[in-house]
Amino acid sequence: MRLKIIAVAALALLAGCATPPPPEPGSAASKVVAMGPQKHIVVGAMRVARENGFMTVNVQLSNTLNSNKIFYYRFAWLGAEGFPVAEEEVWKSQMMYGAQTSFIQAIAPTPKAVDFRLEIKTP
C-alpha cells in the first residue's frame, strides 16, 4: 500500500515536469526567445514586411500587470540558412505602464536578412 502511494506521488511529480510542445515553425511564438523567465510581458501580433529590400518588423507587446514594468529586448537578424547576418544588437530597454499594450519596431541592418528572432528578458 505504501509503495502504491509513493509510485502515484512520483508519477504526479513527473507529469508536472513535462515540457510544453515546441511552437509551430513559422509562428509568432517561434520567433520569440525568452532569456530567462519572462514575467508579465506577453508577445502579441507580429507584422513583417519588406521595404526597399530591408525586412521590417512590428511586434505588439502587453504588460499584464497593473503596475509599470521594464523589460529588455533585441533582434537577431538571420539569413536563409538560419545563421546571423548582422552583428549582435545591443539590449534596448522599454518601460510599459500598467496594463499597457505597445509596439516595438525594427528594421534589418542588411537586405540579406530573411528571418529574425526577438530576444526578451525581464528583470
PDB file of N, CA and C in Angstrom:
ATOM      1  N   MET A   1       0.828  -1.189   0.000  1.00  0.00           N
ATOM      2  CA  MET A   1       0.000   0.000   0.000  1.00  0.00           C
ATOM      3  C   MET A   1       0.873   1.255   0.000  1.00  0.00           C
ATOM      4  N   ARG A   2       1.890   1.229   0.860  1.00  0.00           N
ATOM      5  CA  ARG A   2       2.785   2.371   0.960  1.00  0.00           C
ATOM      6  C   ARG A   2       3.534   2.589  -0.359  1.00  0.00           C
ATOM      7  N   LEU A   3       3.907   1.502  -1.022  1.00  0.00           N
ATOM      8  CA  LEU A   3       4.612   1.567  -2.290  1.00  0.00           C
ATOM      9  C   LEU A   3       3.722   2.189  -3.365  1.00  0.00           C
ATOM     10  N   LYS A   4       2.426   1.872  -3.345  1.00  0.00           N
ATOM     11  CA  LYS A   4       1.495   2.449  -4.319  1.00  0.00           C
ATOM     12  C   LYS A   4       1.392   3.959  -4.149  1.00  0.00           C
ATOM     13  N   ILE A   5       1.361   4.438  -2.923  1.00  0.00           N
ATOM     14  CA  ILE A   5       1.269   5.873  -2.656  1.00  0.00           C
ATOM     15  C   ILE A   5       2.520   6.585  -3.163  1.00  0.00           C
ATOM     16  N   ILE A   6       3.676   5.988  -2.922  1.00  0.00           N
ATOM     17  CA  ILE A   6       4.929   6.578  -3.384  1.00  0.00           C
ATOM     18  C   ILE A   6       4.973   6.593  -4.910  1.00  0.00           C
ATOM     19  N   ALA A   7       4.520   5.526  -5.553  1.00  0.00           N
ATOM     20  CA  ALA A   7       4.514   5.449  -7.014  1.00  0.00           C
ATOM     21  C   ALA A   7       3.581   6.498  -7.613  1.00  0.00           C
ATOM     22  N   VAL A   8       2.392   6.653  -7.030  1.00  0.00           N
ATOM     23  CA  VAL A   8       1.444   7.657  -7.523  1.00  0.00           C
ATOM     24  C   VAL A   8       2.007   9.065  -7.342  1.00  0.00           C
ATOM     25  N   ALA A   9       2.641   9.333  -6.208  1.00  0.00           N
ATOM     26  CA  ALA A   9       3.231  10.649  -5.970  1.00  0.00           C
ATOM     27  C   ALA A   9       4.362  10.921  -6.960  1.00  0.00           C
ATOM     28  N   ALA A  10       5.176   9.910  -7.248  1.00  0.00           N
ATOM     29  CA  ALA A  10       6.272  10.077  -8.207  1.00  0.00           C
ATOM     30  C   ALA A  10       5.738  10.344  -9.604  1.00  0.00           C
ATOM     31  N   LEU A  11       4.686   9.638 -10.013  1.00  0.00           N
ATOM     32  CA  LEU A  11       4.095   9.870 -11.326  1.00  0.00           C
ATOM     33  C   LEU A  11       3.486  11.264 -11.422  1.00  0.00           C
ATOM     34  N   ALA A  12       2.843  11.717 -10.364  1.00  0.00           N
ATOM     35  CA  ALA A  12       2.264  13.062 -10.360  1.00  0.00           C
ATOM     36  C   ALA A  12       3.359  14.114 -10.480  1.00  0.00           C
ATOM     37  N   LEU A  13       4.467  13.897  -9.800  1.00  0.00           N
ATOM     38  CA  LEU A  13       5.590  14.827  -9.867  1.00  0.00           C
ATOM     39  C   LEU A  13       6.180  14.858 -11.266  1.00  0.00           C
ATOM     40  N   LEU A  14       6.346  13.705 -11.884  1.00  0.00           N
ATOM     41  CA  LEU A  14       6.892  13.654 -13.240  1.00  0.00           C
ATOM     42  C   LEU A  14       5.943  14.275 -14.252  1.00  0.00           C
ATOM     43  N   ALA A  15       4.661  14.093 -14.078  1.00  0.00           N
ATOM     44  CA  ALA A  15       3.689  14.675 -15.003  1.00  0.00           C
ATOM     45  C   ALA A  15       3.718  16.199 -14.923  1.00  0.00           C
ATOM     46  N   GLY A  16       3.977  16.745 -13.764  1.00  0.00           N
ATOM     47  CA  GLY A  16       4.050  18.194 -13.604  1.00  0.00           C
ATOM     48  C   GLY A  16       5.301  18.786 -14.216  1.00  0.00           C
ATOM     49  N   CYS A  17       6.316  17.972 -14.468  1.00  0.00           N
ATOM     50  CA  CYS A  17       7.575  18.452 -15.024  1.00  0.00           C
ATOM     51  C   CYS A  17       7.616  18.353 -16.541  1.00  0.00           C
ATOM     52  N   ALA A  18       6.557  17.888 -17.161  1.00  0.00           N
ATOM     53  CA  ALA A  18       6.550  17.734 -18.615  1.00  0.00           C
ATOM     54  C   ALA A  18       6.695  19.096 -19.283  1.00  0.00           C
ATOM     55  N   THR A  19       7.493  19.139 -20.333  1.00  0.00           N
ATOM     56  CA  THR A  19       7.693  20.397 -21.048  1.00  0.00           C
ATOM     57  C   THR A  19       6.609  20.557 -22.096  1.00  0.00           C
ATOM     58  N   PRO A  20       6.183  21.796 -22.345  1.00  0.00           N
ATOM     59  CA  PRO A  20       5.162  22.014 -23.367  1.00  0.00           C
ATOM     60  C   PRO A  20       5.750  21.735 -24.749  1.00  0.00           C
ATOM     61  N   PRO A  21       4.900  21.426 -25.720  1.00  0.00           N
ATOM     62  CA  PRO A  21       5.417  21.167 -27.062  1.00  0.00           C
ATOM     63  C   PRO A  21       6.018  22.436 -27.654  1.00  0.00           C
ATOM     64  N   PRO A  22       7.000  22.299 -28.540  1.00  0.00           N
ATOM     65  CA  PRO A  22       7.606  23.486 -29.141  1.00  0.00           C
ATOM     66  C   PRO A  22       6.603  24.196 -30.044  1.00  0.00           C
ATOM     67  N   PRO A  23       6.782  25.509 -30.252  1.00  0.00           N
ATOM     68  CA  PRO A  23       5.851  26.233 -31.119  1.00  0.00           C
ATOM     69  C   PRO A  23       5.975  25.784 -32.571  1.00  0.00           C
ATOM     70  N   GLU A  24       4.918  25.983 -33.313  1.00  0.00           N
ATOM     71  CA  GLU A  24       4.904  25.630 -34.736  1.00  0.00           C
ATOM     72  C   GLU A  24       5.951  26.451 -35.482  1.00  0.00           C
ATOM     73  N   PRO A  25       6.735  25.848 -36.375  1.00  0.00           N
ATOM     74  CA  PRO A  25       7.705  26.616 -37.161  1.00  0.00           C
ATOM     75  C   PRO A  25       7.004  27.693 -37.979  1.00  0.00           C
ATOM     76  N   GLY A  26       7.565  28.890 -37.978  1.00  0.00           N
ATOM     77  CA  GLY A  26       6.991  29.998 -38.722  1.00  0.00           C
ATOM     78  C   GLY A  26       5.961  30.794 -37.944  1.00  0.00           C
ATOM     79  N   SER A  27       5.516  30.297 -36.785  1.00  0.00           N
ATOM     80  CA  SER A  27       4.526  31.029 -35.998  1.00  0.00           C
ATOM     81  C   SER A  27       5.208  32.167 -35.238  1.00  0.00           C
ATOM     82  N   ALA A  28       4.409  33.099 -34.733  1.00  0.00           N
ATOM     83  CA  ALA A  28       4.966  34.224 -33.975  1.00  0.00           C
ATOM     84  C   ALA A  28       5.694  33.724 -32.736  1.00  0.00           C
ATOM     85  N   ALA A  29       5.168  32.696 -32.088  1.00  0.00           N
ATOM     86  CA  ALA A  29       5.801  32.173 -30.875  1.00  0.00           C
ATOM     87  C   ALA A  29       7.177  31.596 -31.165  1.00  0.00           C
ATOM     88  N   SER A  30       7.390  31.095 -32.380  1.00  0.00           N
ATOM     89  CA  SER A  30       8.701  30.529 -32.719  1.00  0.00           C
ATOM     90  C   SER A  30       9.749  31.610 -32.934  1.00  0.00           C
ATOM     91  N   LYS A  31       9.350  32.840 -33.057  1.00  0.00           N
ATOM     92  CA  LYS A  31      10.273  33.951 -33.289  1.00  0.00           C
ATOM     93  C   LYS A  31      10.754  34.596 -31.996  1.00  0.00           C
ATOM     94  N   VAL A  32      10.178  34.213 -30.856  1.00  0.00           N
ATOM     95  CA  VAL A  32      10.483  34.852 -29.577  1.00  0.00           C
ATOM     96  C   VAL A  32      11.322  33.915 -28.720  1.00  0.00           C
ATOM     97  N   VAL A  33      12.390  34.465 -28.149  1.00  0.00           N
ATOM     98  CA  VAL A  33      13.231  33.705 -27.235  1.00  0.00           C
ATOM     99  C   VAL A  33      13.246  34.448 -25.905  1.00  0.00           C
ATOM    100  N   ALA A  34      12.767  33.795 -24.854  1.00  0.00           N
ATOM    101  CA  ALA A  34      12.795  34.389 -23.511  1.00  0.00           C
ATOM    102  C   ALA A  34      14.160  34.093 -22.907  1.00  0.00           C
ATOM    103  N   MET A  35      14.900  35.129 -22.595  1.00  0.00           N
ATOM    104  CA  MET A  35      16.217  34.975 -21.984  1.00  0.00           C
ATOM    105  C   MET A  35      16.018  34.987 -20.472  1.00  0.00           C
ATOM    106  N   GLY A  36      15.642  33.850 -19.926  1.00  0.00           N
ATOM    107  CA  GLY A  36      15.271  33.757 -18.521  1.00  0.00           C
ATOM    108  C   GLY A  36      13.764  33.801 -18.415  1.00  0.00           C
ATOM    109  N   PRO A  37      13.249  33.826 -17.182  1.00  0.00           N
ATOM    110  CA  PRO A  37      11.793  33.861 -17.020  1.00  0.00           C
ATOM    111  C   PRO A  37      11.207  35.153 -17.587  1.00  0.00           C
ATOM    112  N   GLN A  38      10.178  35.022 -18.393  1.00  0.00           N
ATOM    113  CA  GLN A  38       9.521  36.189 -18.990  1.00  0.00           C
ATOM    114  C   GLN A  38       8.302  36.510 -18.141  1.00  0.00           C
ATOM    115  N   LYS A  39       8.416  37.534 -17.318  1.00  0.00           N
ATOM    116  CA  LYS A  39       7.375  37.836 -16.352  1.00  0.00           C
ATOM    117  C   LYS A  39       6.518  39.022 -16.798  1.00  0.00           C
ATOM    118  N   HIS A  40       5.234  38.767 -16.997  1.00  0.00           N
ATOM    119  CA  HIS A  40       4.217  39.798 -17.189  1.00  0.00           C
ATOM    120  C   HIS A  40       4.324  40.572 -18.494  1.00  0.00           C
ATOM    121  N   ILE A  41       5.139  40.132 -19.439  1.00  0.00           N
ATOM    122  CA  ILE A  41       5.188  40.734 -20.765  1.00  0.00           C
ATOM    123  C   ILE A  41       4.750  39.661 -21.751  1.00  0.00           C
ATOM    124  N   VAL A  42       3.666  39.932 -22.475  1.00  0.00           N
ATOM    125  CA  VAL A  42       3.096  38.963 -23.404  1.00  0.00           C
ATOM    126  C   VAL A  42       3.288  39.483 -24.820  1.00  0.00           C
ATOM    127  N   VAL A  43       3.802  38.634 -25.687  1.00  0.00           N
ATOM    128  CA  VAL A  43       4.008  38.989 -27.087  1.00  0.00           C
ATOM    129  C   VAL A  43       2.730  38.681 -27.852  1.00  0.00           C
ATOM    130  N   GLY A  44       2.272  39.671 -28.606  1.00  0.00           N
ATOM    131  CA  GLY A  44       1.046  39.513 -29.389  1.00  0.00           C
ATOM    132  C   GLY A  44       1.341  39.389 -30.871  1.00  0.00           C
ATOM    133  N   ALA A  45       0.594  40.099 -31.672  1.00  0.00           N
ATOM    134  CA  ALA A  45       0.696  40.018 -33.127  1.00  0.00           C
ATOM    135  C   ALA A  45       2.041  40.551 -33.626  1.00  0.00           C
ATOM    136  N   MET A  46       2.527  39.925 -34.688  1.00  0.00           N
ATOM    137  CA  MET A  46       3.752  40.372 -35.352  1.00  0.00           C
ATOM    138  C   MET A  46       3.431  40.629 -36.816  1.00  0.00           C
ATOM    139  N   ARG A  47       3.976  41.731 -37.314  1.00  0.00           N
ATOM    140  CA  ARG A  47       3.821  42.037 -38.732  1.00  0.00           C
ATOM    141  C   ARG A  47       5.213  42.174 -39.333  1.00  0.00           C
ATOM    142  N   VAL A  48       5.412  41.521 -40.455  1.00  0.00           N
ATOM    143  CA  VAL A  48       6.703  41.533 -41.135  1.00  0.00           C
ATOM    144  C   VAL A  48       6.470  41.984 -42.567  1.00  0.00           C
ATOM    145  N   ALA A  49       7.331  42.881 -43.042  1.00  0.00           N
ATOM    146  CA  ALA A  49       7.231  43.366 -44.414  1.00  0.00           C
ATOM    147  C   ALA A  49       8.631  43.667 -44.940  1.00  0.00           C
ATOM    148  N   ARG A  50       8.735  43.860 -46.238  1.00  0.00           N
ATOM    149  CA  ARG A  50       9.982  44.289 -46.871  1.00  0.00           C
ATOM    150  C   ARG A  50       9.758  45.683 -47.420  1.00  0.00           C
ATOM    151  N   GLU A  51      10.639  46.583 -47.044  1.00  0.00           N
ATOM    152  CA  GLU A  51      10.592  47.953 -47.553  1.00  0.00           C
ATOM    153  C   GLU A  51      11.956  48.280 -48.134  1.00  0.00           C
ATOM    154  N   ASN A  52      11.992  48.594 -49.428  1.00  0.00           N
ATOM    155  CA  ASN A  52      13.243  48.893 -50.123  1.00  0.00           C
ATOM    156  C   ASN A  52      14.266  47.775 -49.957  1.00  0.00           C
ATOM    157  N   GLY A  53      13.802  46.530 -49.897  1.00  0.00           N
ATOM    158  CA  GLY A  53      14.689  45.387 -49.785  1.00  0.00           C
ATOM    159  C   GLY A  53      15.072  45.007 -48.364  1.00  0.00           C
ATOM    160  N   PHE A  54      14.698  45.803 -47.366  1.00  0.00           N
ATOM    161  CA  PHE A  54      15.045  45.527 -45.966  1.00  0.00           C
ATOM    162  C   PHE A  54      13.831  44.982 -45.223  1.00  0.00           C
ATOM    163  N   MET A  55      14.054  43.961 -44.410  1.00  0.00           N
ATOM    164  CA  MET A  55      12.991  43.386 -43.599  1.00  0.00           C
ATOM    165  C   MET A  55      12.637  44.351 -42.463  1.00  0.00           C
ATOM    166  N   THR A  56      11.350  44.593 -42.265  1.00  0.00           N
ATOM    167  CA  THR A  56      10.884  45.410 -41.151  1.00  0.00           C
ATOM    168  C   THR A  56       9.924  44.572 -40.313  1.00  0.00           C
ATOM    169  N   VAL A  57       9.968  44.789 -39.004  1.00  0.00           N
ATOM    170  CA  VAL A  57       9.174  44.012 -38.067  1.00  0.00           C
ATOM    171  C   VAL A  57       8.450  44.957 -37.114  1.00  0.00           C
ATOM    172  N   ASN A  58       7.200  44.657 -36.827  1.00  0.00           N
ATOM    173  CA  ASN A  58       6.399  45.398 -35.861  1.00  0.00           C
ATOM    174  C   ASN A  58       5.774  44.370 -34.923  1.00  0.00           C
ATOM    175  N   VAL A  59       6.072  44.455 -33.609  1.00  0.00           N
ATOM    176  CA  VAL A  59       5.635  43.451 -32.638  1.00  0.00           C
ATOM    177  C   VAL A  59       4.786  44.114 -31.555  1.00  0.00           C
ATOM    178  N   GLN A  60       3.649  43.527 -31.266  1.00  0.00           N
ATOM    179  CA  GLN A  60       2.768  44.007 -30.202  1.00  0.00           C
ATOM    180  C   GLN A  60       3.156  43.335 -28.890  1.00  0.00           C
ATOM    181  N   LEU A  61       3.307  44.136 -27.832  1.00  0.00           N
ATOM    182  CA  LEU A  61       3.623  43.629 -26.500  1.00  0.00           C
ATOM    183  C   LEU A  61       2.612  44.173 -25.512  1.00  0.00           C
ATOM    184  N   SER A  62       2.267  43.374 -24.509  1.00  0.00           N
ATOM    185  CA  SER A  62       1.318  43.795 -23.483  1.00  0.00           C
ATOM    186  C   SER A  62       1.885  43.533 -22.101  1.00  0.00           C
ATOM    187  N   ASN A  63       1.650  44.477 -21.199  1.00  0.00           N
ATOM    188  CA  ASN A  63       2.015  44.343 -19.793  1.00  0.00           C
ATOM    189  C   ASN A  63       0.789  43.808 -19.064  1.00  0.00           C
ATOM    190  N   THR A  64       0.900  42.631 -18.454  1.00  0.00           N
ATOM    191  CA  THR A  64      -0.244  42.028 -17.780  1.00  0.00           C
ATOM    192  C   THR A  64      -0.382  42.494 -16.336  1.00  0.00           C
ATOM    193  N   LEU A  65       0.579  43.276 -15.857  1.00  0.00           N
ATOM    194  CA  LEU A  65       0.493  43.826 -14.500  1.00  0.00           C
ATOM    195  C   LEU A  65      -0.301  45.129 -14.503  1.00  0.00           C
ATOM    196  N   ASN A  66      -0.784  45.512 -13.345  1.00  0.00           N
ATOM    197  CA  ASN A  66      -1.423  46.822 -13.206  1.00  0.00           C
ATOM    198  C   ASN A  66      -0.417  47.883 -12.777  1.00  0.00           C
ATOM    199  N   SER A  67       0.845  47.510 -12.684  1.00  0.00           N
ATOM    200  CA  SER A  67       1.907  48.459 -12.348  1.00  0.00           C
ATOM    201  C   SER A  67       2.913  48.505 -13.489  1.00  0.00           C
ATOM    202  N   ASN A  68       3.773  49.502 -13.470  1.00  0.00           N
ATOM    203  CA  ASN A  68       4.755  49.675 -14.528  1.00  0.00           C
ATOM    204  C   ASN A  68       5.740  48.516 -14.555  1.00  0.00           C
ATOM    205  N   LYS A  69       6.231  48.193 -15.751  1.00  0.00           N
ATOM    206  CA  LYS A  69       7.152  47.073 -15.931  1.00  0.00           C
ATOM    207  C   LYS A  69       8.223  47.458 -16.951  1.00  0.00           C
ATOM    208  N   ILE A  70       9.475  47.186 -16.614  1.00  0.00           N
ATOM    209  CA  ILE A  70      10.592  47.414 -17.533  1.00  0.00           C
ATOM    210  C   ILE A  70      11.026  46.061 -18.083  1.00  0.00           C
ATOM    211  N   PHE A  71      11.337  46.025 -19.380  1.00  0.00           N
ATOM    212  CA  PHE A  71      11.889  44.824 -19.986  1.00  0.00           C
ATOM    213  C   PHE A  71      12.959  45.236 -20.985  1.00  0.00           C
ATOM    214  N   TYR A  72      13.749  44.266 -21.401  1.00  0.00           N
ATOM    215  CA  TYR A  72      14.837  44.499 -22.350  1.00  0.00           C
ATOM    216  C   TYR A  72      14.609  43.608 -23.559  1.00  0.00           C
ATOM    217  N   TYR A  73      14.983  44.101 -24.736  1.00  0.00           N
ATOM    218  CA  TYR A  73      14.795  43.320 -25.954  1.00  0.00           C
ATOM    219  C   TYR A  73      15.878  43.638 -26.975  1.00  0.00           C
ATOM    220  N   ARG A  74      16.047  42.724 -27.918  1.00  0.00           N
ATOM    221  CA  ARG A  74      16.905  42.944 -29.081  1.00  0.00           C
ATOM    222  C   ARG A  74      16.483  41.966 -30.165  1.00  0.00           C
ATOM    223  N   PHE A  75      16.817  42.305 -31.399  1.00  0.00           N
ATOM    224  CA  PHE A  75      16.511  41.451 -32.536  1.00  0.00           C
ATOM    225  C   PHE A  75      17.797  40.805 -33.033  1.00  0.00           C
ATOM    226  N   ALA A  76      17.697  39.561 -33.449  1.00  0.00           N
ATOM    227  CA  ALA A  76      18.777  38.871 -34.133  1.00  0.00           C
ATOM    228  C   ALA A  76      18.290  38.665 -35.568  1.00  0.00           C
ATOM    229  N   TRP A  77      19.061  39.108 -36.540  1.00  0.00           N
ATOM    230  CA  TRP A  77      18.680  39.036 -37.944  1.00  0.00           C
ATOM    231  C   TRP A  77      19.355  37.829 -38.582  1.00  0.00           C
ATOM    232  N   LEU A  78      18.557  36.977 -39.221  1.00  0.00           N
ATOM    233  CA  LEU A  78      19.034  35.697 -39.726  1.00  0.00           C
ATOM    234  C   LEU A  78      18.927  35.625 -41.244  1.00  0.00           C
ATOM    235  N   GLY A  79      19.864  34.889 -41.846  1.00  0.00           N
ATOM    236  CA  GLY A  79      19.850  34.667 -43.285  1.00  0.00           C
ATOM    237  C   GLY A  79      19.049  33.427 -43.639  1.00  0.00           C
ATOM    238  N   ALA A  80      19.091  33.061 -44.907  1.00  0.00           N
ATOM    239  CA  ALA A  80      18.314  31.926 -45.402  1.00  0.00           C
ATOM    240  C   ALA A  80      18.712  30.609 -44.732  1.00  0.00           C
ATOM    241  N   GLU A  81      19.963  30.493 -44.294  1.00  0.00           N
ATOM    242  CA  GLU A  81      20.426  29.270 -43.646  1.00  0.00           C
ATOM    243  C   GLU A  81      20.122  29.250 -42.152  1.00  0.00           C
ATOM    244  N   GLY A  82      19.602  30.342 -41.609  1.00  0.00           N
ATOM    245  CA  GLY A  82      19.276  30.407 -40.191  1.00  0.00           C
ATOM    246  C   GLY A  82      20.396  30.944 -39.321  1.00  0.00           C
ATOM    247  N   PHE A  83      21.478  31.400 -39.937  1.00  0.00           N
ATOM    248  CA  PHE A  83      22.600  31.956 -39.189  1.00  0.00           C
ATOM    249  C   PHE A  83      22.527  33.477 -39.187  1.00  0.00           C
ATOM    250  N   PRO A  84      23.088  34.129 -38.151  1.00  0.00           N
ATOM    251  CA  PRO A  84      23.073  35.598 -38.105  1.00  0.00           C
ATOM    252  C   PRO A  84      23.779  36.218 -39.312  1.00  0.00           C
ATOM    253  N   VAL A  85      23.191  37.288 -39.846  1.00  0.00           N
ATOM    254  CA  VAL A  85      23.783  38.002 -40.987  1.00  0.00           C
ATOM    255  C   VAL A  85      24.213  39.417 -40.595  1.00  0.00           C
ATOM    256  N   ALA A  86      24.060  39.758 -39.333  1.00  0.00           N
ATOM    257  CA  ALA A  86      24.459  41.073 -38.847  1.00  0.00           C
ATOM    258  C   ALA A  86      25.061  40.908 -37.459  1.00  0.00           C
ATOM    259  N   GLU A  87      25.782  41.934 -37.029  1.00  0.00           N
ATOM    260  CA  GLU A  87      26.358  41.882 -35.686  1.00  0.00           C
ATOM    261  C   GLU A  87      25.247  41.883 -34.645  1.00  0.00           C
ATOM    262  N   GLU A  88      25.564  41.323 -33.484  1.00  0.00           N
ATOM    263  CA  GLU A  88      24.596  41.241 -32.394  1.00  0.00           C
ATOM    264  C   GLU A  88      24.198  42.651 -31.953  1.00  0.00           C
ATOM    265  N   GLU A  89      22.894  42.894 -31.844  1.00  0.00           N
ATOM    266  CA  GLU A  89      22.397  44.195 -31.391  1.00  0.00           C
ATOM    267  C   GLU A  89      22.631  44.363 -29.896  1.00  0.00           C
ATOM    268  N   VAL A  90      22.653  45.602 -29.456  1.00  0.00           N
ATOM    269  CA  VAL A  90      22.718  45.878 -28.020  1.00  0.00           C
ATOM    270  C   VAL A  90      21.305  45.731 -27.452  1.00  0.00           C
ATOM    271  N   TRP A  91      21.221  45.456 -26.151  1.00  0.00           N
ATOM    272  CA  TRP A  91      19.922  45.354 -25.492  1.00  0.00           C
ATOM    273  C   TRP A  91      19.305  46.743 -25.412  1.00  0.00           C
ATOM    274  N   LYS A  92      18.017  46.832 -25.721  1.00  0.00           N
ATOM    275  CA  LYS A  92      17.265  48.085 -25.591  1.00  0.00           C
ATOM    276  C   LYS A  92      16.288  47.909 -24.436  1.00  0.00           C
ATOM    277  N   SER A  93      16.058  48.973 -23.700  1.00  0.00           N
ATOM    278  CA  SER A  93      15.107  48.887 -22.590  1.00  0.00           C
ATOM    279  C   SER A  93      13.815  49.608 -22.967  1.00  0.00           C
ATOM    280  N   GLN A  94      12.734  49.115 -22.412  1.00  0.00           N
ATOM    281  CA  GLN A  94      11.430  49.734 -22.637  1.00  0.00           C
ATOM    282  C   GLN A  94      10.627  49.625 -21.352  1.00  0.00           C
ATOM    283  N   MET A  95       9.969  50.719 -20.988  1.00  0.00           N
ATOM    284  CA  MET A  95       9.091  50.729 -19.824  1.00  0.00           C
ATOM    285  C   MET A  95       7.653  50.773 -20.319  1.00  0.00           C
ATOM    286  N   MET A  96       6.833  49.901 -19.753  1.00  0.00           N
ATOM    287  CA  MET A  96       5.419  49.898 -20.104  1.00  0.00           C
ATOM    288  C   MET A  96       4.605  50.192 -18.848  1.00  0.00           C
ATOM    289  N   TYR A  97       3.606  51.026 -18.997  1.00  0.00           N
ATOM    290  CA  TYR A  97       2.721  51.337 -17.885  1.00  0.00           C
ATOM    291  C   TYR A  97       1.824  50.133 -17.594  1.00  0.00           C
ATOM    292  N   GLY A  98       1.189  50.132 -16.456  1.00  0.00           N
ATOM    293  CA  GLY A  98       0.319  49.038 -16.064  1.00  0.00           C
ATOM    294  C   GLY A  98      -0.766  48.778 -17.089  1.00  0.00           C
ATOM    295  N   ALA A  99      -0.937  47.522 -17.464  1.00  0.00           N
ATOM    296  CA  ALA A  99      -1.957  47.071 -18.412  1.00  0.00           C
ATOM    297  C   ALA A  99      -1.842  47.745 -19.779  1.00  0.00           C
ATOM    298  N   GLN A 100      -0.671  48.239 -20.135  1.00  0.00           N
ATOM    299  CA  GLN A 100      -0.461  48.916 -21.412  1.00  0.00           C
ATOM    300  C   GLN A 100      -0.133  47.910 -22.512  1.00  0.00           C
ATOM    301  N   THR A 101      -0.592  48.212 -23.709  1.00  0.00           N
ATOM    302  CA  THR A 101      -0.190  47.485 -24.907  1.00  0.00           C
ATOM    303  C   THR A 101       0.607  48.455 -25.765  1.00  0.00           C
ATOM    304  N   SER A 102       1.742  47.982 -26.260  1.00  0.00           N
ATOM    305  CA  SER A 102       2.649  48.838 -27.008  1.00  0.00           C
ATOM    306  C   SER A 102       3.214  48.056 -28.189  1.00  0.00           C
ATOM    307  N   PHE A 103       3.911  48.758 -29.081  1.00  0.00           N
ATOM    308  CA  PHE A 103       4.538  48.133 -30.235  1.00  0.00           C
ATOM    309  C   PHE A 103       6.009  48.491 -30.270  1.00  0.00           C
ATOM    310  N   ILE A 104       6.843  47.523 -30.682  1.00  0.00           N
ATOM    311  CA  ILE A 104       8.243  47.819 -30.947  1.00  0.00           C
ATOM    312  C   ILE A 104       8.473  47.531 -32.426  1.00  0.00           C
ATOM    313  N   GLN A 105       9.309  48.355 -33.035  1.00  0.00           N
ATOM    314  CA  GLN A 105       9.577  48.234 -34.455  1.00  0.00           C
ATOM    315  C   GLN A 105      11.074  48.122 -34.679  1.00  0.00           C
ATOM    316  N   ALA A 106      11.436  47.425 -35.738  1.00  0.00           N
ATOM    317  CA  ALA A 106      12.850  47.301 -36.075  1.00  0.00           C
ATOM    318  C   ALA A 106      12.990  47.097 -37.575  1.00  0.00           C
ATOM    319  N   ILE A 107      14.145  47.517 -38.094  1.00  0.00           N
ATOM    320  CA  ILE A 107      14.491  47.337 -39.497  1.00  0.00           C
ATOM    321  C   ILE A 107      15.812  46.588 -39.551  1.00  0.00           C
ATOM    322  N   ALA A 108      15.874  45.553 -40.363  1.00  0.00           N
ATOM    323  CA  ALA A 108      17.104  44.775 -40.501  1.00  0.00           C
ATOM    324  C   ALA A 108      18.226  45.677 -41.014  1.00  0.00           C
ATOM    325  N   PRO A 109      19.450  45.507 -40.496  1.00  0.00           N
ATOM    326  CA  PRO A 109      20.561  46.352 -40.935  1.00  0.00           C
ATOM    327  C   PRO A 109      21.125  45.962 -42.298  1.00  0.00           C
ATOM    328  N   THR A 110      20.678  44.836 -42.842  1.00  0.00           N
ATOM    329  CA  THR A 110      21.174  44.371 -44.133  1.00  0.00           C
ATOM    330  C   THR A 110      20.043  43.728 -44.927  1.00  0.00           C
ATOM    331  N   PRO A 111      20.043  43.868 -46.242  1.00  0.00           N
ATOM    332  CA  PRO A 111      18.998  43.214 -47.037  1.00  0.00           C
ATOM    333  C   PRO A 111      19.140  41.696 -47.089  1.00  0.00           C
ATOM    334  N   LYS A 112      20.252  41.150 -46.591  1.00  0.00           N
ATOM    335  CA  LYS A 112      20.449  39.689 -46.555  1.00  0.00           C
ATOM    336  C   LYS A 112      19.536  39.011 -45.541  1.00  0.00           C
ATOM    337  N   ALA A 113      18.979  39.763 -44.595  1.00  0.00           N
ATOM    338  CA  ALA A 113      18.121  39.186 -43.554  1.00  0.00           C
ATOM    339  C   ALA A 113      16.800  38.729 -44.167  1.00  0.00           C
ATOM    340  N   VAL A 114      16.466  37.454 -43.919  1.00  0.00           N
ATOM    341  CA  VAL A 114      15.195  36.910 -44.396  1.00  0.00           C
ATOM    342  C   VAL A 114      14.340  36.413 -43.233  1.00  0.00           C
ATOM    343  N   ASP A 115      14.903  36.404 -42.036  1.00  0.00           N
ATOM    344  CA  ASP A 115      14.183  35.946 -40.848  1.00  0.00           C
ATOM    345  C   ASP A 115      14.754  36.691 -39.644  1.00  0.00           C
ATOM    346  N   PHE A 116      14.099  36.549 -38.509  1.00  0.00           N
ATOM    347  CA  PHE A 116      14.554  37.239 -37.300  1.00  0.00           C
ATOM    348  C   PHE A 116      14.199  36.424 -36.074  1.00  0.00           C
ATOM    349  N   ARG A 117      14.798  36.830 -34.973  1.00  0.00           N
ATOM    350  CA  ARG A 117      14.478  36.273 -33.648  1.00  0.00           C
ATOM    351  C   ARG A 117      14.417  37.457 -32.696  1.00  0.00           C
ATOM    352  N   LEU A 118      13.363  37.541 -31.896  1.00  0.00           N
ATOM    353  CA  LEU A 118      13.204  38.583 -30.881  1.00  0.00           C
ATOM    354  C   LEU A 118      13.584  37.984 -29.540  1.00  0.00           C
ATOM    355  N   GLU A 119      14.600  38.565 -28.904  1.00  0.00           N
ATOM    356  CA  GLU A 119      15.041  38.096 -27.594  1.00  0.00           C
ATOM    357  C   GLU A 119      14.545  39.081 -26.550  1.00  0.00           C
ATOM    358  N   ILE A 120      13.895  38.565 -25.504  1.00  0.00           N
ATOM    359  CA  ILE A 120      13.317  39.399 -24.446  1.00  0.00           C
ATOM    360  C   ILE A 120      13.800  38.897 -23.091  1.00  0.00           C
ATOM    361  N   LYS A 121      14.100  39.840 -22.209  1.00  0.00           N
ATOM    362  CA  LYS A 121      14.374  39.454 -20.828  1.00  0.00           C
ATOM    363  C   LYS A 121      13.750  40.486 -19.899  1.00  0.00           C
ATOM    364  N   THR A 122      13.292  40.003 -18.759  1.00  0.00           N
ATOM    365  CA  THR A 122      12.683  40.868 -17.749  1.00  0.00           C
ATOM    366  C   THR A 122      13.492  40.760 -16.469  1.00  0.00           C
ATOM    367  N   PRO A 123      13.654  41.883 -15.789  1.00  0.00           N
ATOM    368  CA  PRO A 123      14.415  41.819 -14.521  1.00  0.00           C
ATOM    369  C   PRO A 123      13.611  41.167 -13.417  1.00  0.00           C
TER     370      PRO A 123
END
